[in-house]
Amino acid sequence: MAFSVFTRNIRKNLGLTQQELANRLGVNRSAVRQFEADIIHMPSNRVLSAFCDLLSLDPLTVMTYILFDSNDYSTMHNWKDQVGGNISYRYCAYLVLNGWNFDSGVQLYRINEGAIRRITATVSKKRESDKKIMINSIESYISGTYITTAQMIEIFGSTLGYILCSQDIKYKGYHLVFNSKTNLEVQLFNKYKIIVTEKLNYDYQFVLFDPEKGKIQDSFSIKNYKRK
């Protein structure tokens, strides 16, 4: 999604004219026109705060909908069951709120003849826009089922290694997001911290993220990682 689509959909859902929305946001009408024309790609902190006040939502939820989905204003207040409840979507929004670039949304990568891997997004740091980071959640791999340590190593060692090494764009790394509110995902995160792994030539970051507070609870990287 885009800020332009988000702004237009919010305005129409609320039944406002561009001038009326401008008044509610504390900007002039030309600013709203620029938002909707995709001339301004991201809201300033002040405009984001104004949208939060307008919608009675927190910045993380609003940014999540700006990045990924904004078709229906009514679903935003039930974000845990909708787009806003997607852990990797909210983690991406967290990164953007903390100064990262949002480079692209959902992408599909063929890893072999019989399998396609879905990647939530790619992001980059402000001053390292040429070094892309893939984002995905552990949930997209396990789907609530139990997997063994050996299976985890196979999934993340070979599958993602293939993705990272075989694409035309050279990615700097991969962030795998675990939900701190889900017991199975917390167990898997902690289990990974004691697995002996080979050093990798890219940044493989494991992130335990709280989707409600919008905070990283814990994280570690496989690159140069040594078991304590």
Protein backbone atom coordinates (compact mmCIF):
# COMPACT_ATOMS: atom_id res chain seq x y z
CA MET A 1 0.00 0.00 0.00
CA ALA A 2 1.04 3.63 -0.08
CA PHE A 3 0.48 6.78 1.91
CA SER A 4 -1.47 8.20 -1.04
CA VAL A 5 -3.96 5.31 -1.01
CA PHE A 6 -4.16 5.38 2.78
CA THR A 7 -4.99 9.10 2.84
CA ARG A 8 -7.60 8.84 0.10
CA ASN A 9 -9.29 5.81 1.67
CA ILE A 10 -9.38 7.35 5.14
CA ARG A 11 -10.85 10.57 3.77
CA LYS A 12 -13.55 8.71 1.82
CA ASN A 13 -14.35 6.36 4.71
CA LEU A 14 -14.87 9.37 6.96
CA GLY A 15 -16.88 11.21 4.29
CA LEU A 16 -14.56 14.22 4.26
CA THR A 17 -13.51 16.59 1.50
CA GLN A 18 -9.82 17.33 1.02
CA GLN A 19 -10.29 20.67 2.79
CA GLU A 20 -12.11 19.05 5.71
CA LEU A 21 -9.38 16.43 6.11
CA ALA A 22 -6.76 19.17 5.92
CA ASN A 23 -8.52 21.01 8.73
CA ARG A 24 -8.61 17.85 10.87
CA LEU A 25 -4.90 17.20 10.26
CA GLY A 26 -3.81 20.80 10.77
CA VAL A 27 -2.38 21.19 7.26
CA ASN A 28 -3.49 23.11 4.18
CA ARG A 29 -5.48 21.59 1.33
CA SER A 30 -2.48 21.50 -1.00
CA ALA A 31 -0.72 19.17 1.45
CA VAL A 32 -3.62 16.70 1.30
CA ARG A 33 -3.57 16.91 -2.50
CA GLN A 34 0.15 16.06 -2.43
CA PHE A 35 -0.49 13.14 -0.08
CA GLU A 36 -3.14 11.69 -2.40
CA ALA A 37 -1.09 12.34 -5.54
CA ASP A 38 1.83 10.35 -4.07
CA ILE A 39 4.09 13.41 -4.18
CA ILE A 40 4.76 13.00 -0.47
CA HIS A 41 5.44 9.31 0.15
CA MET A 42 5.49 9.21 3.95
CA PRO A 43 3.85 11.37 6.64
CA SER A 44 5.95 13.62 8.82
CA ASN A 45 5.89 12.91 12.55
CA ARG A 46 3.39 15.73 13.01
CA VAL A 47 1.05 14.45 10.28
CA LEU A 48 1.34 10.87 11.55
CA SER A 49 0.42 12.08 15.03
CA ALA A 50 -2.57 13.94 13.58
CA PHE A 51 -3.76 10.78 11.81
CA CYS A 52 -3.39 8.88 15.10
CA ASP A 53 -5.57 11.46 16.85
CA LEU A 54 -8.09 11.41 14.00
CA LEU A 55 -8.38 7.61 14.06
CA SER A 56 -7.81 7.09 17.81
CA LEU A 57 -5.02 4.63 17.04
CA ASP A 58 -1.36 4.27 17.99
CA PRO A 59 1.45 5.18 15.53
CA LEU A 60 2.51 1.55 15.00
CA THR A 61 -0.97 0.49 13.87
CA VAL A 62 -1.40 3.51 11.60
CA MET A 63 2.01 2.97 9.99
CA THR A 64 1.24 -0.73 9.52
CA TYR A 65 -1.84 0.15 7.51
CA ILE A 66 0.01 2.81 5.53
CA LEU A 67 2.60 0.23 4.48
CA PHE A 68 0.42 -2.81 3.86
CA ASP A 69 -3.33 -2.26 3.76
CA SER A 70 -5.71 0.63 4.15
CA ASN A 71 -8.85 -0.29 2.26
CA ASP A 72 -11.23 -0.35 5.19
CA TYR A 73 -10.95 2.13 8.03
CA SER A 74 -13.37 0.08 10.16
CA THR A 75 -10.96 -2.87 10.44
CA MET A 76 -8.22 -0.76 12.01
CA HIS A 77 -9.89 -0.77 15.42
CA ASN A 78 -9.81 -4.56 15.39
CA TRP A 79 -6.23 -4.71 14.15
CA LYS A 80 -5.26 -7.89 16.04
CA ASP A 81 -7.51 -9.93 13.74
CA GLN A 82 -6.68 -7.99 10.60
CA VAL A 83 -3.63 -6.76 8.69
CA GLY A 84 -2.41 -4.81 11.71
CA GLY A 85 -2.08 -8.05 13.66
CA ASN A 86 0.49 -9.52 11.28
CA ILE A 87 3.70 -9.69 13.33
CA SER A 88 6.09 -9.07 10.44
CA TYR A 89 3.94 -6.19 9.13
CA ARG A 90 4.08 -4.53 12.54
CA TYR A 91 7.82 -5.15 12.80
CA CYS A 92 8.30 -3.41 9.43
CA ALA A 93 6.23 -0.49 10.69
CA TYR A 94 8.41 -0.39 13.81
CA LEU A 95 11.55 -0.16 11.66
CA VAL A 96 10.09 2.64 9.53
CA LEU A 97 9.10 4.57 12.65
CA ASN A 98 12.71 4.20 13.77
CA GLY A 99 14.23 5.64 10.61
CA TRP A 100 14.47 2.72 8.16
CA ASN A 101 13.46 2.84 4.49
CA PHE A 102 10.56 0.68 3.34
CA ASP A 103 11.74 -0.56 -0.05
CA SER A 104 9.13 -3.09 -1.17
CA GLY A 105 6.17 -5.06 0.09
CA VAL A 106 5.25 -8.73 -0.22
CA GLN A 107 7.31 -10.69 -2.74
CA LEU A 108 7.37 -14.33 -3.82
CA TYR A 109 10.62 -16.22 -4.49
CA ARG A 110 10.86 -19.61 -6.13
CA ILE A 111 13.36 -21.68 -4.12
CA ASN A 112 13.00 -24.86 -6.18
CA GLU A 113 10.58 -26.43 -8.65
CA GLY A 114 8.07 -27.31 -5.97
CA ALA A 115 8.31 -24.47 -3.46
CA ILE A 116 7.75 -20.74 -3.38
CA ARG A 117 8.72 -18.63 -0.37
CA ARG A 118 6.76 -15.51 0.57
CA ILE A 119 8.83 -12.60 1.89
CA THR A 120 6.93 -9.90 3.81
CA ALA A 121 9.07 -6.94 2.79
CA THR A 122 12.52 -5.57 2.13
CA VAL A 123 13.89 -2.63 4.09
CA SER A 124 17.15 -0.73 4.37
CA LYS A 125 18.81 1.74 6.68
CA LYS A 126 18.62 5.39 5.67
CA ARG A 127 22.28 5.70 4.72
CA GLU A 128 22.60 2.17 3.35
CA SER A 129 19.79 2.06 0.80
CA ASP A 130 21.77 -0.29 -1.45
CA LYS A 131 21.91 -2.96 1.27
CA LYS A 132 18.50 -4.59 1.40
CA ILE A 133 17.23 -6.60 4.37
CA MET A 134 14.49 -9.22 3.94
CA ILE A 135 11.78 -9.42 6.61
CA ASN A 136 9.66 -12.45 7.45
CA SER A 137 8.03 -14.12 10.45
CA ILE A 138 8.65 -17.55 11.94
CA GLU A 139 4.87 -18.07 11.75
CA SER A 140 5.08 -18.24 7.96
CA TYR A 141 7.25 -21.37 8.31
CA ILE A 142 5.69 -23.28 11.19
CA SER A 143 1.98 -22.40 10.90
CA GLY A 144 1.41 -23.48 14.49
CA THR A 145 2.98 -26.92 14.07
CA TYR A 146 5.95 -28.39 15.90
CA ILE A 147 9.23 -28.72 14.02
CA THR A 148 12.43 -30.32 15.24
CA THR A 149 15.79 -28.66 15.65
CA ALA A 150 17.09 -30.53 12.61
CA GLN A 151 14.15 -29.30 10.53
CA MET A 152 14.75 -25.73 11.67
CA ILE A 153 18.39 -25.89 10.61
CA GLU A 154 17.38 -27.32 7.25
CA ILE A 155 14.71 -24.67 6.67
CA PHE A 156 16.79 -21.68 7.64
CA GLY A 157 20.19 -22.93 6.57
CA SER A 158 19.47 -24.16 3.06
CA THR A 159 16.21 -22.53 1.99
CA LEU A 160 17.02 -18.99 3.03
CA GLY A 161 20.66 -19.34 2.14
CA TYR A 162 19.55 -20.21 -1.37
CA ILE A 163 17.26 -17.19 -1.53
CA LEU A 164 19.88 -14.77 -0.27
CA CYS A 165 22.66 -16.06 -2.49
CA SER A 166 20.75 -16.60 -5.72
CA GLN A 167 18.91 -13.33 -6.29
CA ASP A 168 20.07 -10.66 -8.71
CA ILE A 169 19.82 -8.07 -5.94
CA LYS A 170 22.46 -8.69 -3.31
CA TYR A 171 20.75 -8.63 0.03
CA LYS A 172 22.66 -7.74 3.14
CA GLY A 173 20.63 -10.05 5.33
CA TYR A 174 17.42 -11.38 6.74
CA HIS A 175 15.37 -10.57 9.85
CA LEU A 176 13.20 -13.40 11.15
CA VAL A 177 10.52 -12.15 13.56
CA PHE A 178 9.15 -14.14 16.51
CA ASN A 179 6.01 -13.10 18.40
CA SER A 180 6.76 -12.57 22.10
CA LYS A 181 3.05 -13.17 22.87
CA THR A 182 3.06 -16.71 21.42
CA ASN A 183 4.55 -19.45 23.61
CA LEU A 184 5.65 -21.70 20.74
CA GLU A 185 7.48 -18.86 19.02
CA VAL A 186 9.21 -17.81 22.26
CA GLN A 187 10.31 -21.42 22.78
CA LEU A 188 11.71 -21.62 19.25
CA PHE A 189 13.51 -18.29 19.66
CA ASN A 190 15.16 -19.45 22.90
CA LYS A 191 16.00 -22.81 21.36
CA TYR A 192 17.82 -21.13 18.51
CA LYS A 193 20.04 -19.29 20.94
CA ILE A 194 21.64 -22.58 22.00
CA ILE A 195 21.97 -24.18 18.58
CA VAL A 196 25.51 -24.41 17.25
CA THR A 197 25.45 -22.93 13.76
CA GLU A 198 27.98 -22.19 11.10
CA LYS A 199 28.96 -18.58 10.60
CA LEU A 200 27.18 -17.05 7.64
CA ASN A 201 28.39 -14.44 5.20
CA TYR A 202 25.26 -12.34 5.63
CA ASP A 203 23.40 -10.84 8.57
CA TYR A 204 20.79 -13.30 9.82
CA GLN A 205 18.93 -11.56 12.63
CA PHE A 206 16.48 -13.29 14.98
CA VAL A 207 14.05 -10.85 16.60
CA LEU A 208 11.64 -11.48 19.49
CA PHE A 209 9.09 -8.72 18.98
CA ASP A 210 6.15 -7.56 21.09
CA PRO A 211 3.42 -6.57 18.58
CA GLU A 212 1.29 -4.82 21.19
CA LYS A 213 3.97 -2.61 22.76
CA GLY A 214 5.87 -2.28 19.48
CA LYS A 215 9.19 -3.18 21.08
CA ILE A 216 12.00 -5.65 20.51
CA GLN A 217 12.19 -7.92 23.56
CA ASP A 218 15.36 -9.72 22.52
CA SER A 219 17.46 -10.33 19.41
CA PHE A 220 20.64 -11.98 18.21
CA SER A 221 22.45 -12.55 14.94
CA ILE A 222 23.83 -15.79 13.53
CA LYS A 223 26.62 -13.90 11.82
CA ASN A 224 29.65 -14.30 14.06
CA TYR A 225 27.29 -15.62 16.73
CA LYS A 226 28.90 -17.67 19.49
CA ARG A 227 26.91 -19.75 21.92
CA LYS A 228 27.20 -18.46 25.47
